Amino acid sequence: MPQELQIIRAVEFIRYGAEGRFDPAASKLALAKLIRACRKRGIDQALMDLRELRPGSKPVFSLDDLVALVNTFREIGFTRHQRLAVLYEHDPHHRARMFAAIGEGRGWKVEAFNHYEEALNWLSSGPKPRSRAGRPAGAKSIPVRFVKIKKTTAGKSSSRTRTKAPRPAA
C-alpha cells in the first residue's frame, strides 16, 4: 500500500545568524512552516535528513535547542500516531539520538537512524495511512465522476474520466 512521506532536509530548517552561529529561533520558525505543510497535506510520516550536517568539535545544538525543536512538533500538532525518523551520518555528540530520545520521552514515535534504508523500513512498518475521514481541516476533496459515453460508430462503448474542479474561495 502506498504511503506518503515528507523529507525534511537540514538545509530547509537549520538557520545560522550573521556570526555563523546556530539561530534557534529562526530554525524553529522554519521547521514550524515545514511541519504545518505536512499537517495540511495529511502526511503522517516524516524523515528529518541531517546527513549534510558536519558536526565540529563542539555540538551545534544545546540541550535547550533540542527541546525547543522537539516542542515545535508538539506546538504545530504532531500527534502520537505520526512517525518521525531522524537520519544522520555523523553524530559524535549524540544530538540526533538525543532529539529522538526527547521525542520518545514525550510519547511520540521518533527514532534516530544512520542508514536510510533502516529509516524507511521503520517508517513503512507503522500504522496504515488514515482514511479520508481522518483528513486534516482545510484539506479539500476533489470528486471524480465517470461518465458513460454513447456508443461510437464502430459499435464499441468507451468511457472517459472528468474531474470537477473545486470552486475558488470567495
N, C-alpha and C. Protein backbone atom coordinates (compact mmCIF):
# COMPACT_ATOMS: atom_id res chain seq x y z
N MET A 1 0.84 -1.17 0.00
CA MET A 1 0.00 0.00 0.00
C MET A 1 0.90 1.24 0.00
N PRO A 2 0.64 2.20 -0.90
CA PRO A 2 1.48 3.39 -0.96
C PRO A 2 1.31 4.25 0.29
N GLN A 3 2.40 4.87 0.69
CA GLN A 3 2.37 5.78 1.82
C GLN A 3 3.09 7.06 1.44
N GLU A 4 2.62 8.16 1.98
CA GLU A 4 3.26 9.44 1.72
C GLU A 4 4.27 9.73 2.81
N LEU A 5 5.36 10.35 2.41
CA LEU A 5 6.45 10.65 3.31
C LEU A 5 6.96 12.04 3.00
N GLN A 6 7.20 12.82 4.01
CA GLN A 6 7.81 14.14 3.84
C GLN A 6 9.26 14.03 4.26
N ILE A 7 10.16 14.45 3.39
CA ILE A 7 11.58 14.50 3.75
C ILE A 7 11.92 15.94 4.07
N ILE A 8 12.42 16.15 5.28
CA ILE A 8 12.82 17.49 5.74
C ILE A 8 14.33 17.49 5.83
N ARG A 9 14.98 18.18 4.91
CA ARG A 9 16.44 18.23 4.91
C ARG A 9 16.93 19.32 5.85
N ALA A 10 18.10 19.12 6.40
CA ALA A 10 18.68 20.06 7.37
C ALA A 10 18.74 21.48 6.80
N VAL A 11 19.11 21.63 5.53
CA VAL A 11 19.25 22.97 4.94
C VAL A 11 17.91 23.68 4.83
N GLU A 12 16.81 22.95 4.95
CA GLU A 12 15.49 23.56 4.86
C GLU A 12 15.03 24.21 6.16
N PHE A 13 15.67 23.87 7.28
CA PHE A 13 15.22 24.47 8.53
C PHE A 13 16.32 24.96 9.45
N ILE A 14 17.52 24.50 9.32
CA ILE A 14 18.59 24.97 10.20
C ILE A 14 19.09 26.31 9.70
N ARG A 15 19.01 27.30 10.57
CA ARG A 15 19.40 28.67 10.23
C ARG A 15 20.56 29.11 11.11
N TYR A 16 21.43 29.92 10.49
CA TYR A 16 22.58 30.47 11.20
C TYR A 16 22.49 31.99 11.19
N GLY A 17 22.97 32.61 12.25
CA GLY A 17 22.99 34.06 12.35
C GLY A 17 24.15 34.65 11.58
N ALA A 18 24.29 35.97 11.68
CA ALA A 18 25.33 36.70 10.95
C ALA A 18 26.74 36.24 11.34
N GLU A 19 26.91 35.82 12.57
CA GLU A 19 28.24 35.40 13.02
C GLU A 19 28.50 33.92 12.76
N GLY A 20 27.59 33.25 12.07
CA GLY A 20 27.76 31.84 11.75
C GLY A 20 27.35 30.89 12.86
N ARG A 21 26.67 31.40 13.87
CA ARG A 21 26.20 30.56 14.97
C ARG A 21 24.77 30.12 14.70
N PHE A 22 24.44 28.95 15.22
CA PHE A 22 23.09 28.40 15.09
C PHE A 22 22.08 29.38 15.66
N ASP A 23 21.01 29.65 14.92
CA ASP A 23 19.95 30.55 15.35
C ASP A 23 18.72 29.71 15.68
N PRO A 24 18.52 29.40 16.98
CA PRO A 24 17.40 28.52 17.35
C PRO A 24 16.03 29.09 17.00
N ALA A 25 15.83 30.39 17.18
CA ALA A 25 14.51 30.97 16.92
C ALA A 25 14.16 30.89 15.43
N ALA A 26 15.09 31.27 14.57
CA ALA A 26 14.84 31.22 13.13
C ALA A 26 14.68 29.77 12.65
N SER A 27 15.46 28.87 13.22
CA SER A 27 15.34 27.45 12.86
C SER A 27 13.99 26.89 13.26
N LYS A 28 13.54 27.28 14.44
CA LYS A 28 12.25 26.80 14.94
C LYS A 28 11.12 27.30 14.03
N LEU A 29 11.19 28.56 13.59
CA LEU A 29 10.17 29.10 12.68
C LEU A 29 10.16 28.36 11.34
N ALA A 30 11.35 28.11 10.80
CA ALA A 30 11.43 27.40 9.52
C ALA A 30 10.89 25.97 9.65
N LEU A 31 11.25 25.30 10.74
CA LEU A 31 10.76 23.95 10.97
C LEU A 31 9.24 23.95 11.15
N ALA A 32 8.71 24.94 11.83
CA ALA A 32 7.26 25.04 12.03
C ALA A 32 6.53 25.13 10.69
N LYS A 33 7.07 25.89 9.75
CA LYS A 33 6.45 26.00 8.42
C LYS A 33 6.41 24.65 7.72
N LEU A 34 7.50 23.92 7.81
CA LEU A 34 7.56 22.60 7.17
C LEU A 34 6.57 21.63 7.80
N ILE A 35 6.48 21.66 9.12
CA ILE A 35 5.55 20.76 9.82
C ILE A 35 4.11 21.12 9.49
N ARG A 36 3.80 22.41 9.43
CA ARG A 36 2.44 22.84 9.07
C ARG A 36 2.07 22.33 7.67
N ALA A 37 3.03 22.39 6.75
CA ALA A 37 2.76 21.92 5.39
C ALA A 37 2.44 20.42 5.40
N CYS A 38 3.16 19.65 6.21
CA CYS A 38 2.87 18.21 6.33
C CYS A 38 1.47 18.00 6.89
N ARG A 39 1.15 18.71 7.94
CA ARG A 39 -0.16 18.56 8.59
C ARG A 39 -1.28 18.94 7.61
N LYS A 40 -1.06 20.01 6.86
CA LYS A 40 -2.09 20.48 5.93
C LYS A 40 -2.35 19.44 4.83
N ARG A 41 -1.31 18.75 4.40
CA ARG A 41 -1.46 17.74 3.35
C ARG A 41 -1.83 16.38 3.91
N GLY A 42 -1.92 16.25 5.23
CA GLY A 42 -2.31 14.99 5.84
C GLY A 42 -1.21 13.94 5.85
N ILE A 43 0.03 14.37 5.82
CA ILE A 43 1.16 13.45 5.83
C ILE A 43 1.52 13.13 7.28
N ASP A 44 1.56 11.85 7.60
CA ASP A 44 1.78 11.40 8.98
C ASP A 44 3.19 10.86 9.22
N GLN A 45 4.04 10.87 8.21
CA GLN A 45 5.38 10.34 8.36
C GLN A 45 6.38 11.33 7.77
N ALA A 46 7.45 11.55 8.51
CA ALA A 46 8.47 12.47 8.03
C ALA A 46 9.85 11.89 8.31
N LEU A 47 10.77 12.23 7.45
CA LEU A 47 12.16 11.85 7.61
C LEU A 47 12.96 13.14 7.71
N MET A 48 13.55 13.40 8.87
CA MET A 48 14.38 14.57 9.07
C MET A 48 15.81 14.16 8.70
N ASP A 49 16.27 14.61 7.54
CA ASP A 49 17.55 14.20 6.99
C ASP A 49 18.65 15.17 7.41
N LEU A 50 19.50 14.75 8.33
CA LEU A 50 20.58 15.57 8.86
C LEU A 50 21.94 15.14 8.33
N ARG A 51 21.96 14.34 7.28
CA ARG A 51 23.23 13.79 6.79
C ARG A 51 24.17 14.85 6.26
N GLU A 52 23.66 16.00 5.84
CA GLU A 52 24.53 17.05 5.31
C GLU A 52 25.26 17.82 6.41
N LEU A 53 24.81 17.68 7.64
CA LEU A 53 25.47 18.39 8.74
C LEU A 53 26.83 17.77 9.01
N ARG A 54 27.81 18.60 9.21
CA ARG A 54 29.15 18.14 9.56
C ARG A 54 29.51 18.72 10.92
N PRO A 55 29.22 17.96 11.99
CA PRO A 55 29.48 18.49 13.33
C PRO A 55 30.97 18.72 13.56
N GLY A 56 31.24 19.78 14.29
CA GLY A 56 32.62 20.10 14.64
C GLY A 56 32.98 19.50 15.99
N SER A 57 33.97 20.11 16.61
CA SER A 57 34.42 19.59 17.90
C SER A 57 33.43 19.92 19.02
N LYS A 58 32.62 20.96 18.80
CA LYS A 58 31.59 21.32 19.78
C LYS A 58 30.23 21.08 19.15
N PRO A 59 29.25 20.66 19.95
CA PRO A 59 27.90 20.44 19.40
C PRO A 59 27.26 21.74 18.91
N VAL A 60 26.55 21.65 17.79
CA VAL A 60 25.82 22.80 17.25
C VAL A 60 24.60 23.09 18.12
N PHE A 61 23.91 22.03 18.53
CA PHE A 61 22.67 22.16 19.29
C PHE A 61 22.92 21.94 20.77
N SER A 62 22.45 22.86 21.59
CA SER A 62 22.48 22.65 23.04
C SER A 62 21.27 21.78 23.40
N LEU A 63 21.23 21.32 24.62
CA LEU A 63 20.07 20.55 25.07
C LEU A 63 18.81 21.39 24.98
N ASP A 64 18.90 22.67 25.35
CA ASP A 64 17.74 23.57 25.25
C ASP A 64 17.28 23.73 23.81
N ASP A 65 18.24 23.80 22.86
CA ASP A 65 17.89 23.90 21.44
C ASP A 65 17.11 22.67 20.99
N LEU A 66 17.57 21.51 21.41
CA LEU A 66 16.88 20.27 21.03
C LEU A 66 15.47 20.22 21.60
N VAL A 67 15.33 20.61 22.86
CA VAL A 67 14.00 20.62 23.47
C VAL A 67 13.09 21.60 22.73
N ALA A 68 13.61 22.76 22.36
CA ALA A 68 12.81 23.75 21.62
C ALA A 68 12.36 23.20 20.27
N LEU A 69 13.26 22.49 19.57
CA LEU A 69 12.89 21.92 18.28
C LEU A 69 11.86 20.80 18.43
N VAL A 70 12.03 19.97 19.45
CA VAL A 70 11.04 18.92 19.71
C VAL A 70 9.69 19.55 20.05
N ASN A 71 9.70 20.60 20.84
CA ASN A 71 8.45 21.27 21.22
C ASN A 71 7.75 21.88 20.01
N THR A 72 8.50 22.23 18.97
CA THR A 72 7.90 22.76 17.76
C THR A 72 6.92 21.76 17.17
N PHE A 73 7.28 20.49 17.19
CA PHE A 73 6.38 19.45 16.68
C PHE A 73 5.09 19.41 17.48
N ARG A 74 5.20 19.50 18.79
CA ARG A 74 4.01 19.48 19.65
C ARG A 74 3.15 20.71 19.40
N GLU A 75 3.78 21.87 19.32
CA GLU A 75 3.05 23.13 19.14
C GLU A 75 2.27 23.16 17.82
N ILE A 76 2.79 22.53 16.80
CA ILE A 76 2.14 22.54 15.49
C ILE A 76 1.07 21.45 15.39
N GLY A 77 1.07 20.52 16.33
CA GLY A 77 0.02 19.50 16.33
C GLY A 77 0.50 18.10 16.01
N PHE A 78 1.79 17.85 16.15
CA PHE A 78 2.33 16.50 15.96
C PHE A 78 1.66 15.60 16.99
N THR A 79 1.11 14.49 16.53
CA THR A 79 0.36 13.62 17.43
C THR A 79 1.08 12.29 17.62
N ARG A 80 0.54 11.49 18.51
CA ARG A 80 1.16 10.22 18.85
C ARG A 80 1.04 9.16 17.76
N HIS A 81 0.16 9.36 16.78
CA HIS A 81 0.06 8.37 15.71
C HIS A 81 0.99 8.70 14.53
N GLN A 82 1.63 9.84 14.56
CA GLN A 82 2.56 10.21 13.49
C GLN A 82 3.96 9.71 13.83
N ARG A 83 4.78 9.54 12.78
CA ARG A 83 6.12 9.00 12.96
C ARG A 83 7.15 9.94 12.35
N LEU A 84 8.27 10.07 13.06
CA LEU A 84 9.37 10.91 12.59
C LEU A 84 10.66 10.11 12.71
N ALA A 85 11.34 9.93 11.59
CA ALA A 85 12.66 9.29 11.58
C ALA A 85 13.71 10.39 11.43
N VAL A 86 14.73 10.35 12.27
CA VAL A 86 15.83 11.30 12.20
C VAL A 86 17.02 10.56 11.61
N LEU A 87 17.47 11.01 10.46
CA LEU A 87 18.55 10.34 9.74
C LEU A 87 19.83 11.16 9.84
N TYR A 88 20.90 10.54 10.29
CA TYR A 88 22.18 11.24 10.44
C TYR A 88 23.29 10.39 9.84
N GLU A 89 24.38 11.03 9.49
CA GLU A 89 25.55 10.30 9.03
C GLU A 89 26.60 10.26 10.13
N HIS A 90 26.83 11.43 10.73
CA HIS A 90 27.79 11.54 11.84
C HIS A 90 27.06 12.14 13.03
N ASP A 91 27.20 11.54 14.18
CA ASP A 91 26.54 12.05 15.39
C ASP A 91 27.48 11.90 16.60
N PRO A 92 28.66 12.54 16.52
CA PRO A 92 29.64 12.35 17.60
C PRO A 92 29.18 12.89 18.95
N HIS A 93 28.27 13.85 18.94
CA HIS A 93 27.79 14.44 20.19
C HIS A 93 26.43 13.87 20.59
N HIS A 94 25.95 12.88 19.84
CA HIS A 94 24.69 12.17 20.13
C HIS A 94 23.47 13.10 20.11
N ARG A 95 23.52 14.15 19.30
CA ARG A 95 22.40 15.09 19.27
C ARG A 95 21.19 14.54 18.53
N ALA A 96 21.39 13.82 17.43
CA ALA A 96 20.25 13.23 16.70
C ALA A 96 19.56 12.21 17.59
N ARG A 97 20.36 11.38 18.24
CA ARG A 97 19.79 10.35 19.12
C ARG A 97 19.14 10.99 20.36
N MET A 98 19.70 12.11 20.83
CA MET A 98 19.11 12.80 21.97
C MET A 98 17.77 13.43 21.58
N PHE A 99 17.70 14.01 20.37
CA PHE A 99 16.45 14.57 19.87
C PHE A 99 15.37 13.49 19.85
N ALA A 100 15.73 12.30 19.32
CA ALA A 100 14.77 11.19 19.27
C ALA A 100 14.36 10.76 20.67
N ALA A 101 15.31 10.70 21.58
CA ALA A 101 15.00 10.29 22.96
C ALA A 101 14.07 11.29 23.63
N ILE A 102 14.26 12.57 23.39
CA ILE A 102 13.38 13.59 23.97
C ILE A 102 11.96 13.40 23.42
N GLY A 103 11.86 13.20 22.11
CA GLY A 103 10.55 12.97 21.50
C GLY A 103 9.88 11.71 22.02
N GLU A 104 10.65 10.63 22.13
CA GLU A 104 10.10 9.38 22.66
C GLU A 104 9.66 9.55 24.11
N GLY A 105 10.43 10.34 24.87
CA GLY A 105 10.07 10.60 26.26
C GLY A 105 8.74 11.31 26.39
N ARG A 106 8.35 12.01 25.35
CA ARG A 106 7.07 12.70 25.34
C ARG A 106 5.96 11.81 24.76
N GLY A 107 6.30 10.57 24.46
CA GLY A 107 5.30 9.62 23.98
C GLY A 107 5.12 9.59 22.48
N TRP A 108 6.00 10.25 21.72
CA TRP A 108 5.87 10.27 20.28
C TRP A 108 6.70 9.16 19.66
N LYS A 109 6.39 8.86 18.41
CA LYS A 109 7.11 7.83 17.67
C LYS A 109 8.24 8.50 16.89
N VAL A 110 9.39 8.57 17.53
CA VAL A 110 10.58 9.20 16.94
C VAL A 110 11.74 8.24 17.10
N GLU A 111 12.47 8.02 16.03
CA GLU A 111 13.65 7.14 16.07
C GLU A 111 14.78 7.80 15.29
N ALA A 112 16.02 7.56 15.71
CA ALA A 112 17.19 8.06 15.01
C ALA A 112 17.87 6.89 14.29
N PHE A 113 18.33 7.15 13.07
CA PHE A 113 18.95 6.12 12.23
C PHE A 113 20.18 6.69 11.54
N ASN A 114 21.15 5.83 11.29
CA ASN A 114 22.29 6.26 10.48
C ASN A 114 22.32 5.53 9.14
N HIS A 115 21.25 4.83 8.80
CA HIS A 115 21.10 4.19 7.49
C HIS A 115 19.72 4.54 6.92
N TYR A 116 19.72 5.05 5.71
CA TYR A 116 18.50 5.48 5.04
C TYR A 116 17.47 4.34 4.94
N GLU A 117 17.93 3.17 4.54
CA GLU A 117 17.02 2.04 4.35
C GLU A 117 16.35 1.64 5.67
N GLU A 118 17.11 1.66 6.76
CA GLU A 118 16.53 1.32 8.06
C GLU A 118 15.45 2.33 8.45
N ALA A 119 15.70 3.59 8.18
CA ALA A 119 14.72 4.63 8.50
C ALA A 119 13.44 4.42 7.70
N LEU A 120 13.57 4.13 6.40
CA LEU A 120 12.38 3.91 5.57
C LEU A 120 11.63 2.66 6.00
N ASN A 121 12.36 1.61 6.34
CA ASN A 121 11.70 0.39 6.81
C ASN A 121 10.91 0.65 8.09
N TRP A 122 11.49 1.41 9.00
CA TRP A 122 10.79 1.72 10.25
C TRP A 122 9.54 2.56 9.98
N LEU A 123 9.68 3.56 9.11
CA LEU A 123 8.52 4.39 8.78
C LEU A 123 7.42 3.56 8.11
N SER A 124 7.80 2.67 7.21
CA SER A 124 6.78 1.89 6.50
C SER A 124 6.16 0.80 7.36
N SER A 125 6.78 0.48 8.48
CA SER A 125 6.22 -0.55 9.37
C SER A 125 5.17 0.03 10.31
N GLY A 126 4.94 1.31 10.21
CA GLY A 126 3.98 1.98 11.09
C GLY A 126 2.55 1.72 10.69
N PRO A 127 1.63 2.43 11.31
CA PRO A 127 0.21 2.25 11.02
C PRO A 127 -0.10 2.62 9.58
N LYS A 128 -1.16 2.03 9.08
CA LYS A 128 -1.59 2.32 7.72
C LYS A 128 -2.06 3.77 7.63
N PRO A 129 -2.00 4.36 6.43
CA PRO A 129 -2.45 5.74 6.29
C PRO A 129 -3.90 5.90 6.74
N ARG A 130 -4.19 7.10 7.25
CA ARG A 130 -5.54 7.38 7.72
C ARG A 130 -6.53 7.38 6.57
N SER A 131 -7.77 7.08 6.88
CA SER A 131 -8.82 7.12 5.88
C SER A 131 -9.11 8.57 5.52
N ARG A 132 -9.88 8.76 4.51
CA ARG A 132 -10.24 10.11 4.07
C ARG A 132 -10.94 10.89 5.19
N ALA A 133 -11.66 10.17 6.06
CA ALA A 133 -12.35 10.85 7.15
C ALA A 133 -11.36 11.46 8.13
N GLY A 134 -10.12 10.95 8.15
CA GLY A 134 -9.10 11.46 9.05
C GLY A 134 -8.30 12.60 8.46
N ARG A 135 -8.78 13.15 7.35
CA ARG A 135 -8.08 14.23 6.68
C ARG A 135 -8.07 15.48 7.56
N PRO A 136 -6.97 16.22 7.59
CA PRO A 136 -6.91 17.42 8.43
C PRO A 136 -7.85 18.51 7.94
N ALA A 137 -8.19 19.42 8.83
CA ALA A 137 -9.06 20.53 8.47
C ALA A 137 -8.41 21.34 7.37
N GLY A 138 -9.20 21.79 6.43
CA GLY A 138 -8.69 22.60 5.34
C GLY A 138 -8.36 21.79 4.09
N ALA A 139 -8.16 20.48 4.22
CA ALA A 139 -7.89 19.65 3.06
C ALA A 139 -9.18 19.51 2.26
N LYS A 140 -9.08 19.61 0.95
CA LYS A 140 -10.27 19.56 0.11
C LYS A 140 -10.30 18.29 -0.71
N SER A 141 -11.49 17.78 -0.88
CA SER A 141 -11.71 16.61 -1.70
C SER A 141 -12.06 17.07 -3.11
N ILE A 142 -11.50 16.40 -4.11
CA ILE A 142 -11.84 16.70 -5.49
C ILE A 142 -12.55 15.48 -6.04
N PRO A 143 -13.87 15.57 -6.24
CA PRO A 143 -14.62 14.41 -6.71
C PRO A 143 -14.29 14.08 -8.16
N VAL A 144 -14.31 12.82 -8.48
CA VAL A 144 -14.07 12.35 -9.85
C VAL A 144 -15.32 11.59 -10.28
N ARG A 145 -15.88 11.97 -11.43
CA ARG A 145 -17.06 11.29 -11.94
C ARG A 145 -16.67 10.53 -13.19
N PHE A 146 -17.23 9.34 -13.33
CA PHE A 146 -17.06 8.56 -14.54
C PHE A 146 -18.34 8.69 -15.33
N VAL A 147 -18.21 9.08 -16.58
CA VAL A 147 -19.36 9.30 -17.43
C VAL A 147 -19.31 8.31 -18.58
N LYS A 148 -20.41 7.61 -18.78
CA LYS A 148 -20.51 6.65 -19.89
C LYS A 148 -20.81 7.44 -21.15
N ILE A 149 -20.05 7.20 -22.18
CA ILE A 149 -20.24 7.90 -23.45
C ILE A 149 -21.02 6.98 -24.38
N LYS A 150 -21.84 7.59 -25.19
CA LYS A 150 -22.65 6.82 -26.14
C LYS A 150 -21.77 5.97 -27.04
N LYS A 151 -22.39 4.96 -27.62
CA LYS A 151 -21.65 4.06 -28.49
C LYS A 151 -21.05 4.83 -29.66
N THR A 152 -19.84 4.42 -30.02
CA THR A 152 -19.17 5.05 -31.16
C THR A 152 -19.69 4.43 -32.45
N THR A 153 -19.25 4.96 -33.54
CA THR A 153 -19.72 4.46 -34.84
C THR A 153 -19.28 3.02 -35.06
N ALA A 154 -18.22 2.59 -34.42
CA ALA A 154 -17.76 1.20 -34.58
C ALA A 154 -18.57 0.27 -33.69
N GLY A 155 -19.49 0.79 -32.91
CA GLY A 155 -20.33 -0.04 -32.06
C GLY A 155 -19.73 -0.34 -30.70
N LYS A 156 -18.58 0.22 -30.41
CA LYS A 156 -17.94 -0.01 -29.13
C LYS A 156 -18.26 1.16 -28.20
N SER A 157 -18.39 0.84 -26.93
CA SER A 157 -18.61 1.93 -25.98
C SER A 157 -17.27 2.27 -25.33
N SER A 158 -17.16 3.46 -24.89
CA SER A 158 -15.93 3.88 -24.21
C SER A 158 -16.35 4.75 -23.03
N SER A 159 -15.44 4.96 -22.15
CA SER A 159 -15.72 5.85 -21.03
C SER A 159 -14.56 6.82 -20.90
N ARG A 160 -14.82 7.90 -20.24
CA ARG A 160 -13.77 8.87 -20.01
C ARG A 160 -13.90 9.38 -18.59
N THR A 161 -12.87 9.97 -18.10
CA THR A 161 -12.86 10.50 -16.74
C THR A 161 -12.92 12.01 -16.82
N ARG A 162 -13.79 12.56 -16.02
CA ARG A 162 -13.92 14.01 -15.98
C ARG A 162 -13.80 14.43 -14.53
N THR A 163 -13.00 15.42 -14.25
CA THR A 163 -12.88 15.89 -12.88
C THR A 163 -13.64 17.18 -12.72
N LYS A 164 -14.17 17.35 -11.57
CA LYS A 164 -14.90 18.57 -11.26
C LYS A 164 -13.95 19.42 -10.42
N ALA A 165 -13.57 20.54 -10.96
CA ALA A 165 -12.62 21.42 -10.26
C ALA A 165 -13.30 22.09 -9.08
N PRO A 166 -12.58 22.26 -7.96
CA PRO A 166 -13.17 22.95 -6.82
C PRO A 166 -13.40 24.41 -7.14
N ARG A 167 -14.41 24.97 -6.56
CA ARG A 167 -14.72 26.38 -6.78
C ARG A 167 -13.70 27.22 -6.02
N PRO A 168 -13.26 28.33 -6.64
CA PRO A 168 -12.31 29.19 -5.94
C PRO A 168 -12.95 29.82 -4.70
N ALA A 169 -12.15 30.03 -3.68
CA ALA A 169 -12.65 30.65 -2.45
C ALA A 169 -13.01 32.08 -2.71
N ALA A 170 -14.09 32.52 -2.11
CA ALA A 170 -14.55 33.90 -2.33
C ALA A 170 -13.82 34.85 -1.43
